[in-house]
């Protein structure tokens, strides 16, 4: 269950207000000068591998830290739960956390598979404020998991949730315009749903219910 939640957080990150509008721009970078569909797909996959690499490293760190503090699980649950609830309140626009303001830096030009991979690494740092609420939630769950393996698995699933829609967009960009338009028109509703979702996760973490999910489904 907790793994499914983390995967869903990745998908929701993809449709966030500062991420989704950038997808056509990123795909144009992936296409390069040749502008072939195959070229776009390969570079998109390399891009996803780039940010997955960084996010998994963060998962290793969070899981290891959680294992070191396992004797203080109640405190970890409470602190992590409160942080995730704050993320949710920010999505509901009840708080205004500046750490979630995305950077305005321009994207690096993608000239091949390796540069797309580096772009993914840069993306993981540059747009972390944009997807920070759900990435932060995933990291909090990784720390609560208490092991390096589970922490890494959670962040891998988060990366897949974010990465798979990007790869599908590279394949179906011309057919997804209407979907993108619909999502953009309903951002207010989506943000409310995201905020409530994060608050519920935070409450479950505070009361240790996430731990029950983690150990019941592994």
Protein backbone atom coordinates (compact mmCIF):
# COMPACT_ATOMS: atom_id res chain seq x y z
CA UNK A 1 0.00 0.00 0.00
CA UNK A 2 2.73 2.45 0.97
CA UNK A 3 4.56 1.64 -2.28
CA UNK A 4 1.43 2.41 -4.31
CA UNK A 5 1.03 5.72 -2.47
CA UNK A 6 4.62 6.70 -3.27
CA UNK A 7 4.12 5.79 -6.94
CA UNK A 8 0.97 7.93 -7.03
CA UNK A 9 2.91 10.83 -5.51
CA UNK A 10 5.27 10.66 -8.48
CA UNK A 11 2.34 10.82 -10.91
CA UNK A 12 0.82 13.78 -9.05
CA UNK A 13 4.19 15.54 -9.18
CA UNK A 14 4.03 15.22 -12.96
CA UNK A 15 0.75 17.14 -13.14
CA UNK A 16 1.85 19.84 -10.68
CA UNK A 17 1.28 23.44 -11.91
CA UNK A 18 4.98 24.17 -12.44
CA UNK A 19 5.88 20.79 -13.94
CA UNK A 20 3.23 19.93 -16.52
CA UNK A 21 3.49 23.17 -18.56
CA UNK A 22 7.21 22.52 -18.97
CA UNK A 23 6.79 19.05 -20.52
CA UNK A 24 6.37 20.22 -24.16
CA UNK A 25 9.47 22.41 -23.71
CA UNK A 26 11.48 19.49 -22.32
CA UNK A 27 10.36 17.26 -25.16
CA UNK A 28 11.51 19.84 -27.68
CA UNK A 29 14.93 19.74 -26.00
CA UNK A 30 14.93 15.95 -26.19
CA UNK A 31 14.06 16.02 -29.88
CA UNK A 32 17.22 17.99 -30.67
CA UNK A 33 18.02 19.33 -34.11
CA UNK A 34 17.01 16.09 -35.85
CA UNK A 35 13.53 16.18 -34.27
CA UNK A 36 12.88 12.45 -34.65
CA UNK A 37 10.40 10.60 -32.46
CA UNK A 38 12.94 7.85 -31.70
CA UNK A 39 15.50 10.48 -30.70
CA UNK A 40 12.99 12.14 -28.38
CA UNK A 41 12.07 8.84 -26.71
CA UNK A 42 15.68 7.74 -26.07
CA UNK A 43 16.63 11.13 -24.63
CA UNK A 44 13.48 11.18 -22.48
CA UNK A 45 14.39 7.76 -21.02
CA UNK A 46 17.95 8.97 -20.32
CA UNK A 47 16.53 12.10 -18.67
CA UNK A 48 14.33 9.97 -16.41
CA UNK A 49 17.31 7.79 -15.47
CA UNK A 50 19.21 10.95 -14.51
CA UNK A 51 16.74 12.21 -11.92
CA UNK A 52 15.97 8.64 -10.78
CA UNK A 53 19.67 8.22 -9.94
CA UNK A 54 19.62 11.32 -7.70
CA UNK A 55 16.28 10.53 -6.06
CA UNK A 56 17.40 6.97 -5.25
CA UNK A 57 20.55 8.35 -3.62
CA UNK A 58 18.28 10.52 -1.48
CA UNK A 59 16.22 7.40 -0.68
CA UNK A 60 19.35 5.55 0.44
CA UNK A 61 20.27 8.45 2.73
CA UNK A 62 16.75 8.77 4.18
CA UNK A 63 16.40 5.01 4.72
CA UNK A 64 19.83 4.77 6.36
CA UNK A 65 19.09 7.74 8.61
CA UNK A 66 15.80 6.13 9.58
CA UNK A 67 17.54 2.87 10.47
CA UNK A 68 20.02 4.73 12.69
CA UNK A 69 17.13 6.39 14.52
CA UNK A 70 14.93 3.30 14.67
CA UNK A 71 14.89 3.38 18.49
CA UNK A 72 13.15 6.74 18.23
CA UNK A 73 10.47 5.64 15.76
CA UNK A 74 7.62 7.44 17.52
CA UNK A 75 9.46 10.76 17.35
CA UNK A 76 10.38 10.17 13.69
CA UNK A 77 6.76 9.35 12.84
CA UNK A 78 5.49 12.48 14.57
CA UNK A 79 8.04 14.87 13.06
CA UNK A 80 7.72 13.42 9.55
CA UNK A 81 3.93 13.46 9.80
CA UNK A 82 3.88 17.11 10.83
CA UNK A 83 6.20 18.05 7.96
CA UNK A 84 3.99 16.27 5.40
CA UNK A 85 0.89 17.97 6.85
CA UNK A 86 2.64 21.33 6.35
CA UNK A 87 3.26 20.30 2.72
CA UNK A 88 -0.47 19.64 2.39
CA UNK A 89 -1.45 22.97 3.94
CA UNK A 90 0.88 24.66 1.46
CA UNK A 91 -0.93 22.94 -1.43
CA UNK A 92 -4.25 24.15 0.00
CA UNK A 93 -2.75 27.66 -0.06
CA UNK A 94 -3.20 27.96 3.71
CA UNK A 95 0.57 28.30 4.07
CA UNK A 96 3.02 29.98 1.72
CA UNK A 97 6.32 28.12 1.93
CA UNK A 98 8.91 29.84 -0.23
CA UNK A 99 11.00 26.67 -0.46
CA UNK A 100 8.47 25.42 -3.02
CA UNK A 101 9.06 28.30 -5.42
CA UNK A 102 10.61 26.80 -8.58
CA UNK A 103 13.84 28.13 -10.01
CA UNK A 104 13.67 30.17 -13.21
CA UNK A 105 16.89 28.79 -14.62
CA UNK A 106 16.71 27.77 -18.23
CA UNK A 107 17.15 24.17 -19.23
CA UNK A 108 20.48 22.93 -20.51
CA UNK A 109 20.54 22.09 -24.22
CA UNK A 110 20.26 18.34 -24.83
CA UNK A 111 22.56 17.08 -27.57
CA UNK A 112 22.53 13.35 -26.89
CA UNK A 113 21.86 10.55 -24.42
CA UNK A 114 24.61 11.56 -21.98
CA UNK A 115 23.58 15.24 -21.93
CA UNK A 116 19.95 14.13 -21.39
CA UNK A 117 21.13 12.09 -18.38
CA UNK A 118 22.98 15.14 -17.01
CA UNK A 119 19.87 17.22 -17.68
CA UNK A 120 17.93 14.75 -15.51
CA UNK A 121 20.43 15.25 -12.69
CA UNK A 122 20.17 19.04 -13.06
CA UNK A 123 16.37 18.73 -13.16
CA UNK A 124 16.35 16.80 -9.87
CA UNK A 125 18.04 19.78 -8.20
CA UNK A 126 16.53 22.66 -10.17
CA UNK A 127 12.88 21.59 -9.93
CA UNK A 128 12.99 20.04 -6.47
CA UNK A 129 11.14 23.10 -5.08
CA UNK A 130 8.43 22.50 -7.68
CA UNK A 131 7.79 18.83 -6.83
CA UNK A 132 9.13 19.28 -3.29
CA UNK A 133 5.92 18.53 -1.39
CA UNK A 134 5.50 15.04 -2.82
CA UNK A 135 9.23 14.34 -3.05
CA UNK A 136 9.50 15.42 0.58
CA UNK A 137 6.60 13.15 1.52
CA UNK A 138 8.31 10.23 -0.23
CA UNK A 139 11.54 10.97 1.63
CA UNK A 140 9.67 11.17 4.94
CA UNK A 141 8.16 7.74 4.26
CA UNK A 142 11.63 6.46 3.31
CA UNK A 143 13.01 7.62 6.66
CA UNK A 144 10.06 6.06 8.48
CA UNK A 145 10.72 2.77 6.66
CA UNK A 146 13.88 2.36 8.71
CA UNK A 147 15.98 0.48 6.14
CA UNK A 148 18.17 1.52 3.23
CA UNK A 149 16.56 -1.02 0.86
CA UNK A 150 12.99 0.10 1.57
CA UNK A 151 14.00 3.76 1.39
CA UNK A 152 15.61 3.20 -2.00
CA UNK A 153 12.60 1.22 -3.25
CA UNK A 154 10.20 3.98 -2.23
CA UNK A 155 12.18 6.66 -4.07
CA UNK A 156 12.56 4.38 -7.09
CA UNK A 157 8.78 4.02 -7.25
CA UNK A 158 8.37 7.77 -6.84
CA UNK A 159 10.78 8.29 -9.75
CA UNK A 160 8.84 5.78 -11.87
CA UNK A 161 5.59 7.58 -11.07
CA UNK A 162 7.13 10.82 -12.30
CA UNK A 163 9.15 9.28 -15.12
CA UNK A 164 6.65 6.98 -16.84
CA UNK A 165 4.27 9.86 -17.78
CA UNK A 166 7.25 11.77 -19.20
CA UNK A 167 8.23 8.79 -21.36
CA UNK A 168 4.61 8.29 -22.46
CA UNK A 169 4.44 11.98 -23.32
CA UNK A 170 7.49 11.55 -25.55
CA UNK A 171 5.63 8.76 -27.36
CA UNK A 172 2.21 10.42 -27.53
CA UNK A 173 2.90 14.16 -27.37
CA UNK A 174 0.61 14.99 -30.30
CA UNK A 175 -2.28 13.03 -28.78
CA UNK A 176 -2.03 14.41 -25.23
CA UNK A 177 -2.66 18.11 -25.88
CA UNK A 178 -6.31 17.86 -24.86
CA UNK A 179 -5.38 16.01 -21.66
CA UNK A 180 -2.80 18.66 -20.74
CA UNK A 181 -5.37 21.40 -21.42
CA UNK A 182 -7.98 19.73 -19.20
CA UNK A 183 -5.52 19.38 -16.32
CA UNK A 184 -4.40 23.01 -16.61
CA UNK A 185 -8.02 24.22 -16.50
CA UNK A 186 -8.64 22.26 -13.28
CA UNK A 187 -5.48 23.09 -11.34
CA UNK A 188 -7.42 24.57 -8.41
CA UNK A 189 -9.37 21.36 -7.88
CA UNK A 190 -6.23 19.26 -8.38
CA UNK A 191 -4.33 21.31 -5.79
CA UNK A 192 -7.11 20.82 -3.23
CA UNK A 193 -7.07 17.06 -3.85
CA UNK A 194 -3.26 17.03 -3.56
CA UNK A 195 -3.36 19.02 -0.33
CA UNK A 196 -5.95 16.74 1.30
CA UNK A 197 -4.00 13.68 0.09
CA UNK A 198 -0.78 14.95 1.73
CA UNK A 199 -2.55 15.85 4.99
CA UNK A 200 -4.04 12.34 5.19
CA UNK A 201 -0.60 10.82 4.61
CA UNK A 202 0.84 13.05 7.33
CA UNK A 203 -1.83 11.97 9.81
CA UNK A 204 -1.24 8.30 8.99
CA UNK A 205 2.50 8.81 9.54
CA UNK A 206 1.99 10.61 12.86
CA UNK A 207 -0.02 7.71 14.26
CA UNK A 208 2.35 5.05 12.93
CA UNK A 209 -0.22 3.64 10.52
CA UNK A 210 2.23 4.02 7.61
CA UNK A 211 4.58 1.65 9.43
CA UNK A 212 1.76 -0.89 9.64
CA UNK A 213 1.23 -0.62 5.88
CA UNK A 214 4.96 -0.88 5.26
CA UNK A 215 5.44 -4.07 7.21
CA UNK A 216 2.12 -5.67 6.24
CA UNK A 217 2.76 -5.53 2.49
CA UNK A 218 6.44 -6.46 2.43
